[in-house]
Amino acid sequence: MQPDRETRRARGYFHEEAQKTFYGEPYERVMAWYYRGILYWMNGETDNARACFRSAQFQDADAENDSYKSDYVILDYLEGYTTFTLG
């Protein structure tokens, strides 16, 4: 049984997932760096935690909507605190 013309046309709207690379939404990338920083901090690796918090800040500055750019204030505090504790 062959697919009809409408079915073939509908399939044309979709692409294989192997062709798409999805890195996550900007807020998802921010939270990934945030949690990674928290884990480093809990493990006593303050320098790596600070690097993760800074990376999260860069990701937050890349938000698609201008009203949401750099709105995770906790990242600023955590980056400042880890810098302070490193001396």
PDB file of N, CA and C in Angstrom:
ATOM      1  N   MET A   1       0.844  -1.177   0.000  1.00  0.00           N
ATOM      2  CA  MET A   1       0.000   0.000   0.000  1.00  0.00           C
ATOM      3  C   MET A   1       0.892   1.245   0.000  1.00  0.00           C
ATOM      4  N   GLN A   2       0.749   2.079  -0.978  1.00  0.00           N
ATOM      5  CA  GLN A   2       1.539   3.299  -1.123  1.00  0.00           C
ATOM      6  C   GLN A   2       0.842   4.462  -0.406  1.00  0.00           C
ATOM      7  N   PRO A   3       1.640   5.352   0.201  1.00  0.00           N
ATOM      8  CA  PRO A   3       1.016   6.525   0.820  1.00  0.00           C
ATOM      9  C   PRO A   3       0.416   7.433  -0.255  1.00  0.00           C
ATOM     10  N   ASP A   4      -0.693   8.016   0.076  1.00  0.00           N
ATOM     11  CA  ASP A   4      -1.327   8.895  -0.904  1.00  0.00           C
ATOM     12  C   ASP A   4      -0.598  10.240  -0.988  1.00  0.00           C
ATOM     13  N   ARG A   5      -1.042  11.067  -1.890  1.00  0.00           N
ATOM     14  CA  ARG A   5      -0.369  12.330  -2.169  1.00  0.00           C
ATOM     15  C   ARG A   5      -0.370  13.251  -0.944  1.00  0.00           C
ATOM     16  N   GLU A   6      -1.458  13.316  -0.208  1.00  0.00           N
ATOM     17  CA  GLU A   6      -1.549  14.171   0.980  1.00  0.00           C
ATOM     18  C   GLU A   6      -0.587  13.707   2.076  1.00  0.00           C
ATOM     19  N   THR A   7      -0.440  12.408   2.215  1.00  0.00           N
ATOM     20  CA  THR A   7       0.484  11.873   3.219  1.00  0.00           C
ATOM     21  C   THR A   7       1.913  12.245   2.874  1.00  0.00           C
ATOM     22  N   ARG A   8       2.288  12.117   1.616  1.00  0.00           N
ATOM     23  CA  ARG A   8       3.646  12.487   1.196  1.00  0.00           C
ATOM     24  C   ARG A   8       3.893  13.980   1.408  1.00  0.00           C
ATOM     25  N   ARG A   9       2.890  14.784   1.122  1.00  0.00           N
ATOM     26  CA  ARG A   9       3.035  16.229   1.312  1.00  0.00           C
ATOM     27  C   ARG A   9       3.194  16.554   2.800  1.00  0.00           C
ATOM     28  N   ALA A  10       2.425  15.894   3.652  1.00  0.00           N
ATOM     29  CA  ALA A  10       2.525  16.128   5.091  1.00  0.00           C
ATOM     30  C   ALA A  10       3.888  15.710   5.625  1.00  0.00           C
ATOM     31  N   ARG A  11       4.411  14.603   5.129  1.00  0.00           N
ATOM     32  CA  ARG A  11       5.734  14.154   5.571  1.00  0.00           C
ATOM     33  C   ARG A  11       6.821  15.137   5.158  1.00  0.00           C
ATOM     34  N   GLY A  12       6.593  15.884   4.121  1.00  0.00           N
ATOM     35  CA  GLY A  12       7.570  16.866   3.661  1.00  0.00           C
ATOM     36  C   GLY A  12       7.775  18.020   4.629  1.00  0.00           C
ATOM     37  N   TYR A  13       6.824  18.220   5.546  1.00  0.00           N
ATOM     38  CA  TYR A  13       6.959  19.290   6.529  1.00  0.00           C
ATOM     39  C   TYR A  13       7.907  18.925   7.671  1.00  0.00           C
ATOM     40  N   PHE A  14       8.214  17.663   7.801  1.00  0.00           N
ATOM     41  CA  PHE A  14       9.048  17.200   8.901  1.00  0.00           C
ATOM     42  C   PHE A  14      10.420  16.801   8.378  1.00  0.00           C
ATOM     43  N   HIS A  15      11.418  16.950   9.225  1.00  0.00           N
ATOM     44  CA  HIS A  15      12.780  16.577   8.872  1.00  0.00           C
ATOM     45  C   HIS A  15      13.300  15.596   9.910  1.00  0.00           C
ATOM     46  N   GLU A  16      14.288  14.851   9.527  1.00  0.00           N
ATOM     47  CA  GLU A  16      14.879  13.901  10.468  1.00  0.00           C
ATOM     48  C   GLU A  16      15.569  14.654  11.592  1.00  0.00           C
ATOM     49  N   GLU A  17      15.490  14.101  12.789  1.00  0.00           N
ATOM     50  CA  GLU A  17      16.128  14.724  13.937  1.00  0.00           C
ATOM     51  C   GLU A  17      17.644  14.767  13.798  1.00  0.00           C
ATOM     52  N   ALA A  18      18.213  13.879  13.024  1.00  0.00           N
ATOM     53  CA  ALA A  18      19.663  13.868  12.851  1.00  0.00           C
ATOM     54  C   ALA A  18      20.139  15.132  12.148  1.00  0.00           C
ATOM     55  N   GLN A  19      19.268  15.805  11.437  1.00  0.00           N
ATOM     56  CA  GLN A  19      19.647  17.014  10.725  1.00  0.00           C
ATOM     57  C   GLN A  19      19.570  18.252  11.601  1.00  0.00           C
ATOM     58  N   LYS A  20      18.873  18.180  12.719  1.00  0.00           N
ATOM     59  CA  LYS A  20      18.700  19.329  13.594  1.00  0.00           C
ATOM     60  C   LYS A  20      19.609  19.197  14.812  1.00  0.00           C
ATOM     61  N   THR A  21      20.237  20.282  15.177  1.00  0.00           N
ATOM     62  CA  THR A  21      21.022  20.319  16.402  1.00  0.00           C
ATOM     63  C   THR A  21      20.317  21.255  17.364  1.00  0.00           C
ATOM     64  N   PHE A  22      19.898  20.735  18.494  1.00  0.00           N
ATOM     65  CA  PHE A  22      19.183  21.542  19.480  1.00  0.00           C
ATOM     66  C   PHE A  22      20.022  21.615  20.743  1.00  0.00           C
ATOM     67  N   TYR A  23      20.413  22.815  21.095  1.00  0.00           N
ATOM     68  CA  TYR A  23      21.245  23.022  22.275  1.00  0.00           C
ATOM     69  C   TYR A  23      20.435  23.469  23.481  1.00  0.00           C
ATOM     70  N   GLY A  24      19.149  23.587  23.328  1.00  0.00           N
ATOM     71  CA  GLY A  24      18.301  24.030  24.422  1.00  0.00           C
ATOM     72  C   GLY A  24      17.977  25.506  24.289  1.00  0.00           C
ATOM     73  N   GLU A  25      16.939  25.900  24.978  1.00  0.00           N
ATOM     74  CA  GLU A  25      16.567  27.313  25.007  1.00  0.00           C
ATOM     75  C   GLU A  25      17.592  28.067  25.846  1.00  0.00           C
ATOM     76  N   PRO A  26      17.704  29.381  25.668  1.00  0.00           N
ATOM     77  CA  PRO A  26      18.691  30.143  26.449  1.00  0.00           C
ATOM     78  C   PRO A  26      18.533  29.966  27.959  1.00  0.00           C
ATOM     79  N   TYR A  27      17.290  29.960  28.455  1.00  0.00           N
ATOM     80  CA  TYR A  27      17.106  29.805  29.900  1.00  0.00           C
ATOM     81  C   TYR A  27      17.503  28.407  30.369  1.00  0.00           C
ATOM     82  N   GLU A  28      17.373  27.410  29.498  1.00  0.00           N
ATOM     83  CA  GLU A  28      17.803  26.058  29.861  1.00  0.00           C
ATOM     84  C   GLU A  28      19.324  25.981  29.943  1.00  0.00           C
ATOM     85  N   ARG A  29      20.001  26.648  29.033  1.00  0.00           N
ATOM     86  CA  ARG A  29      21.467  26.669  29.074  1.00  0.00           C
ATOM     87  C   ARG A  29      21.962  27.421  30.304  1.00  0.00           C
ATOM     88  N   VAL A  30      21.265  28.510  30.663  1.00  0.00           N
ATOM     89  CA  VAL A  30      21.629  29.260  31.870  1.00  0.00           C
ATOM     90  C   VAL A  30      21.521  28.367  33.096  1.00  0.00           C
ATOM     91  N   MET A  31      20.411  27.663  33.213  1.00  0.00           N
ATOM     92  CA  MET A  31      20.211  26.827  34.389  1.00  0.00           C
ATOM     93  C   MET A  31      21.174  25.647  34.422  1.00  0.00           C
ATOM     94  N   ALA A  32      21.550  25.140  33.266  1.00  0.00           N
ATOM     95  CA  ALA A  32      22.531  24.049  33.231  1.00  0.00           C
ATOM     96  C   ALA A  32      23.866  24.531  33.790  1.00  0.00           C
ATOM     97  N   TRP A  33      24.307  25.729  33.374  1.00  0.00           N
ATOM     98  CA  TRP A  33      25.562  26.274  33.908  1.00  0.00           C
ATOM     99  C   TRP A  33      25.432  26.601  35.396  1.00  0.00           C
ATOM    100  N   TYR A  34      24.271  27.106  35.804  1.00  0.00           N
ATOM    101  CA  TYR A  34      24.033  27.428  37.209  1.00  0.00           C
ATOM    102  C   TYR A  34      24.154  26.178  38.084  1.00  0.00           C
ATOM    103  N   TYR A  35      23.457  25.116  37.706  1.00  0.00           N
ATOM    104  CA  TYR A  35      23.501  23.879  38.497  1.00  0.00           C
ATOM    105  C   TYR A  35      24.894  23.255  38.475  1.00  0.00           C
ATOM    106  N   ARG A  36      25.557  23.345  37.351  1.00  0.00           N
ATOM    107  CA  ARG A  36      26.924  22.822  37.284  1.00  0.00           C
ATOM    108  C   ARG A  36      27.833  23.600  38.238  1.00  0.00           C
ATOM    109  N   GLY A  37      27.644  24.918  38.290  1.00  0.00           N
ATOM    110  CA  GLY A  37      28.413  25.738  39.225  1.00  0.00           C
ATOM    111  C   GLY A  37      28.129  25.381  40.672  1.00  0.00           C
ATOM    112  N   ILE A  38      26.869  25.141  40.984  1.00  0.00           N
ATOM    113  CA  ILE A  38      26.502  24.746  42.350  1.00  0.00           C
ATOM    114  C   ILE A  38      27.174  23.426  42.719  1.00  0.00           C
ATOM    115  N   LEU A  39      27.184  22.483  41.788  1.00  0.00           N
ATOM    116  CA  LEU A  39      27.823  21.193  42.061  1.00  0.00           C
ATOM    117  C   LEU A  39      29.325  21.353  42.287  1.00  0.00           C
ATOM    118  N   TYR A  40      29.969  22.176  41.474  1.00  0.00           N
ATOM    119  CA  TYR A  40      31.397  22.436  41.691  1.00  0.00           C
ATOM    120  C   TYR A  40      31.621  23.081  43.056  1.00  0.00           C
ATOM    121  N   TRP A  41      30.772  24.033  43.409  1.00  0.00           N
ATOM    122  CA  TRP A  41      30.918  24.737  44.677  1.00  0.00           C
ATOM    123  C   TRP A  41      30.741  23.770  45.844  1.00  0.00           C
ATOM    124  N   MET A  42      29.754  22.889  45.754  1.00  0.00           N
ATOM    125  CA  MET A  42      29.542  21.895  46.804  1.00  0.00           C
ATOM    126  C   MET A  42      30.719  20.933  46.906  1.00  0.00           C
ATOM    127  N   ASN A  43      31.414  20.727  45.790  1.00  0.00           N
ATOM    128  CA  ASN A  43      32.559  19.818  45.759  1.00  0.00           C
ATOM    129  C   ASN A  43      33.853  20.518  46.179  1.00  0.00           C
ATOM    130  N   GLY A  44      33.770  21.801  46.515  1.00  0.00           N
ATOM    131  CA  GLY A  44      34.939  22.544  46.958  1.00  0.00           C
ATOM    132  C   GLY A  44      35.777  23.126  45.837  1.00  0.00           C
ATOM    133  N   GLU A  45      35.280  23.079  44.617  1.00  0.00           N
ATOM    134  CA  GLU A  45      36.016  23.621  43.473  1.00  0.00           C
ATOM    135  C   GLU A  45      35.455  25.004  43.137  1.00  0.00           C
ATOM    136  N   THR A  46      35.825  25.980  43.970  1.00  0.00           N
ATOM    137  CA  THR A  46      35.260  27.320  43.852  1.00  0.00           C
ATOM    138  C   THR A  46      35.642  27.995  42.547  1.00  0.00           C
ATOM    139  N   ASP A  47      36.858  27.762  42.064  1.00  0.00           N
ATOM    140  CA  ASP A  47      37.281  28.398  40.813  1.00  0.00           C
ATOM    141  C   ASP A  47      36.459  27.900  39.627  1.00  0.00           C
ATOM    142  N   ASN A  48      36.174  26.612  39.588  1.00  0.00           N
ATOM    143  CA  ASN A  48      35.328  26.071  38.520  1.00  0.00           C
ATOM    144  C   ASN A  48      33.882  26.546  38.663  1.00  0.00           C
ATOM    145  N   ALA A  49      33.426  26.690  39.900  1.00  0.00           N
ATOM    146  CA  ALA A  49      32.073  27.197  40.130  1.00  0.00           C
ATOM    147  C   ALA A  49      31.950  28.618  39.597  1.00  0.00           C
ATOM    148  N   ARG A  50      32.957  29.442  39.876  1.00  0.00           N
ATOM    149  CA  ARG A  50      32.935  30.821  39.379  1.00  0.00           C
ATOM    150  C   ARG A  50      32.908  30.851  37.859  1.00  0.00           C
ATOM    151  N   ALA A  51      33.686  29.990  37.224  1.00  0.00           N
ATOM    152  CA  ALA A  51      33.693  29.926  35.759  1.00  0.00           C
ATOM    153  C   ALA A  51      32.318  29.535  35.224  1.00  0.00           C
ATOM    154  N   CYS A  52      31.650  28.624  35.895  1.00  0.00           N
ATOM    155  CA  CYS A  52      30.304  28.219  35.464  1.00  0.00           C
ATOM    156  C   CYS A  52      29.302  29.352  35.641  1.00  0.00           C
ATOM    157  N   PHE A  53      29.396  30.083  36.750  1.00  0.00           N
ATOM    158  CA  PHE A  53      28.487  31.206  36.965  1.00  0.00           C
ATOM    159  C   PHE A  53      28.705  32.284  35.908  1.00  0.00           C
ATOM    160  N   ARG A  54      29.957  32.515  35.538  1.00  0.00           N
ATOM    161  CA  ARG A  54      30.245  33.490  34.478  1.00  0.00           C
ATOM    162  C   ARG A  54      29.707  33.007  33.137  1.00  0.00           C
ATOM    163  N   SER A  55      29.851  31.728  32.856  1.00  0.00           N
ATOM    164  CA  SER A  55      29.305  31.184  31.607  1.00  0.00           C
ATOM    165  C   SER A  55      27.787  31.322  31.578  1.00  0.00           C
ATOM    166  N   ALA A  56      27.163  31.120  32.722  1.00  0.00           N
ATOM    167  CA  ALA A  56      25.710  31.287  32.801  1.00  0.00           C
ATOM    168  C   ALA A  56      25.318  32.736  32.534  1.00  0.00           C
ATOM    169  N   GLN A  57      26.126  33.678  33.033  1.00  0.00           N
ATOM    170  CA  GLN A  57      25.845  35.088  32.768  1.00  0.00           C
ATOM    171  C   GLN A  57      25.930  35.393  31.277  1.00  0.00           C
ATOM    172  N   PHE A  58      26.916  34.834  30.603  1.00  0.00           N
ATOM    173  CA  PHE A  58      27.041  35.042  29.158  1.00  0.00           C
ATOM    174  C   PHE A  58      25.849  34.442  28.420  1.00  0.00           C
ATOM    175  N   GLN A  59      25.405  33.275  28.839  1.00  0.00           N
ATOM    176  CA  GLN A  59      24.241  32.657  28.208  1.00  0.00           C
ATOM    177  C   GLN A  59      22.980  33.489  28.466  1.00  0.00           C
ATOM    178  N   ASP A  60      22.876  34.050  29.670  1.00  0.00           N
ATOM    179  CA  ASP A  60      21.712  34.858  30.011  1.00  0.00           C
ATOM    180  C   ASP A  60      21.677  36.145  29.197  1.00  0.00           C
ATOM    181  N   ALA A  61      22.819  36.671  28.845  1.00  0.00           N
ATOM    182  CA  ALA A  61      22.878  37.887  28.033  1.00  0.00           C
ATOM    183  C   ALA A  61      22.461  37.622  26.593  1.00  0.00           C
ATOM    184  N   ASP A  62      22.347  36.354  26.209  1.00  0.00           N
ATOM    185  CA  ASP A  62      22.016  35.977  24.838  1.00  0.00           C
ATOM    186  C   ASP A  62      20.537  35.614  24.681  1.00  0.00           C
ATOM    187  N   ALA A  63      19.693  36.105  25.577  1.00  0.00           N
ATOM    188  CA  ALA A  63      18.265  35.787  25.497  1.00  0.00           C
ATOM    189  C   ALA A  63      17.655  36.414  24.246  1.00  0.00           C
ATOM    190  N   GLU A  64      16.682  35.729  23.675  1.00  0.00           N
ATOM    191  CA  GLU A  64      16.045  36.220  22.452  1.00  0.00           C
ATOM    192  C   GLU A  64      15.222  37.479  22.707  1.00  0.00           C
ATOM    193  N   ASN A  65      14.517  37.512  23.811  1.00  0.00           N
ATOM    194  CA  ASN A  65      13.686  38.659  24.153  1.00  0.00           C
ATOM    195  C   ASN A  65      14.513  39.629  24.995  1.00  0.00           C
ATOM    196  N   ASP A  66      14.605  40.886  24.563  1.00  0.00           N
ATOM    197  CA  ASP A  66      15.440  41.859  25.263  1.00  0.00           C
ATOM    198  C   ASP A  66      15.013  42.084  26.706  1.00  0.00           C
ATOM    199  N   SER A  67      13.745  41.915  27.008  1.00  0.00           N
ATOM    200  CA  SER A  67      13.287  42.156  28.374  1.00  0.00           C
ATOM    201  C   SER A  67      13.764  41.074  29.342  1.00  0.00           C
ATOM    202  N   TYR A  68      14.257  39.951  28.822  1.00  0.00           N
ATOM    203  CA  TYR A  68      14.735  38.870  29.682  1.00  0.00           C
ATOM    204  C   TYR A  68      16.254  38.751  29.694  1.00  0.00           C
ATOM    205  N   LYS A  69      16.955  39.667  29.072  1.00  0.00           N
ATOM    206  CA  LYS A  69      18.419  39.584  29.041  1.00  0.00           C
ATOM    207  C   LYS A  69      18.990  39.943  30.408  1.00  0.00           C
ATOM    208  N   SER A  70      19.918  39.143  30.858  1.00  0.00           N
ATOM    209  CA  SER A  70      20.639  39.376  32.115  1.00  0.00           C
ATOM    210  C   SER A  70      19.690  39.606  33.287  1.00  0.00           C
ATOM    211  N   ASP A  71      18.701  38.749  33.434  1.00  0.00           N
ATOM    212  CA  ASP A  71      17.744  38.922  34.518  1.00  0.00           C
ATOM    213  C   ASP A  71      17.924  37.929  35.664  1.00  0.00           C
ATOM    214  N   TYR A  72      18.920  37.062  35.593  1.00  0.00           N
ATOM    215  CA  TYR A  72      19.218  36.144  36.695  1.00  0.00           C
ATOM    216  C   TYR A  72      20.211  36.830  37.636  1.00  0.00           C
ATOM    217  N   VAL A  73      19.705  37.597  38.577  1.00  0.00           N
ATOM    218  CA  VAL A  73      20.554  38.372  39.476  1.00  0.00           C
ATOM    219  C   VAL A  73      21.389  37.460  40.365  1.00  0.00           C
ATOM    220  N   ILE A  74      20.877  36.286  40.688  1.00  0.00           N
ATOM    221  CA  ILE A  74      21.600  35.364  41.565  1.00  0.00           C
ATOM    222  C   ILE A  74      22.968  35.009  40.998  1.00  0.00           C
ATOM    223  N   LEU A  75      23.083  34.998  39.677  1.00  0.00           N
ATOM    224  CA  LEU A  75      24.374  34.682  39.058  1.00  0.00           C
ATOM    225  C   LEU A  75      25.408  35.749  39.378  1.00  0.00           C
ATOM    226  N   ASP A  76      24.984  37.011  39.403  1.00  0.00           N
ATOM    227  CA  ASP A  76      25.903  38.098  39.746  1.00  0.00           C
ATOM    228  C   ASP A  76      26.382  37.957  41.190  1.00  0.00           C
ATOM    229  N   TYR A  77      25.462  37.661  42.080  1.00  0.00           N
ATOM    230  CA  TYR A  77      25.827  37.492  43.486  1.00  0.00           C
ATOM    231  C   TYR A  77      26.761  36.293  43.686  1.00  0.00           C
ATOM    232  N   LEU A  78      26.434  35.183  43.058  1.00  0.00           N
ATOM    233  CA  LEU A  78      27.261  33.987  43.225  1.00  0.00           C
ATOM    234  C   LEU A  78      28.649  34.174  42.626  1.00  0.00           C
ATOM    235  N   GLU A  79      28.720  34.819  41.471  1.00  0.00           N
ATOM    236  CA  GLU A  79      30.026  35.067  40.860  1.00  0.00           C
ATOM    237  C   GLU A  79      30.847  36.003  41.741  1.00  0.00           C
ATOM    238  N   GLY A  80      30.204  37.025  42.294  1.00  0.00           N
ATOM    239  CA  GLY A  80      30.901  37.937  43.196  1.00  0.00           C
ATOM    240  C   GLY A  80      31.345  37.257  44.477  1.00  0.00           C
ATOM    241  N   TYR A  81      30.488  36.428  45.035  1.00  0.00           N
ATOM    242  CA  TYR A  81      30.829  35.740  46.281  1.00  0.00           C
ATOM    243  C   TYR A  81      31.976  34.757  46.078  1.00  0.00           C
ATOM    244  N   THR A  82      31.928  34.010  44.984  1.00  0.00           N
ATOM    245  CA  THR A  82      33.015  33.057  44.743  1.00  0.00           C
ATOM    246  C   THR A  82      34.326  33.785  44.461  1.00  0.00           C
ATOM    247  N   THR A  83      34.256  34.928  43.793  1.00  0.00           N
ATOM    248  CA  THR A  83      35.468  35.729  43.576  1.00  0.00           C
ATOM    249  C   THR A  83      36.010  36.222  44.912  1.00  0.00           C
ATOM    250  N   PHE A  84      35.119  36.660  45.797  1.00  0.00           N
ATOM    251  CA  PHE A  84      35.524  37.129  47.120  1.00  0.00           C
ATOM    252  C   PHE A  84      36.186  36.015  47.924  1.00  0.00           C
ATOM    253  N   THR A  85      35.619  34.815  47.881  1.00  0.00           N
ATOM    254  CA  THR A  85      36.180  33.713  48.669  1.00  0.00           C
ATOM    255  C   THR A  85      37.511  33.219  48.111  1.00  0.00           C
ATOM    256  N   LEU A  86      37.729  33.432  46.815  1.00  0.00           N
ATOM    257  CA  LEU A  86      39.021  33.032  46.240  1.00  0.00           C
ATOM    258  C   LEU A  86      40.131  34.006  46.610  1.00  0.00           C
ATOM    259  N   GLY A  87      39.750  35.188  47.049  1.00  0.00           N
ATOM    260  CA  GLY A  87      40.744  36.160  47.500  1.00  0.00           C
ATOM    261  C   GLY A  87      41.134  37.073  46.458  1.00  0.00           C
TER     262      GLY A  87
END
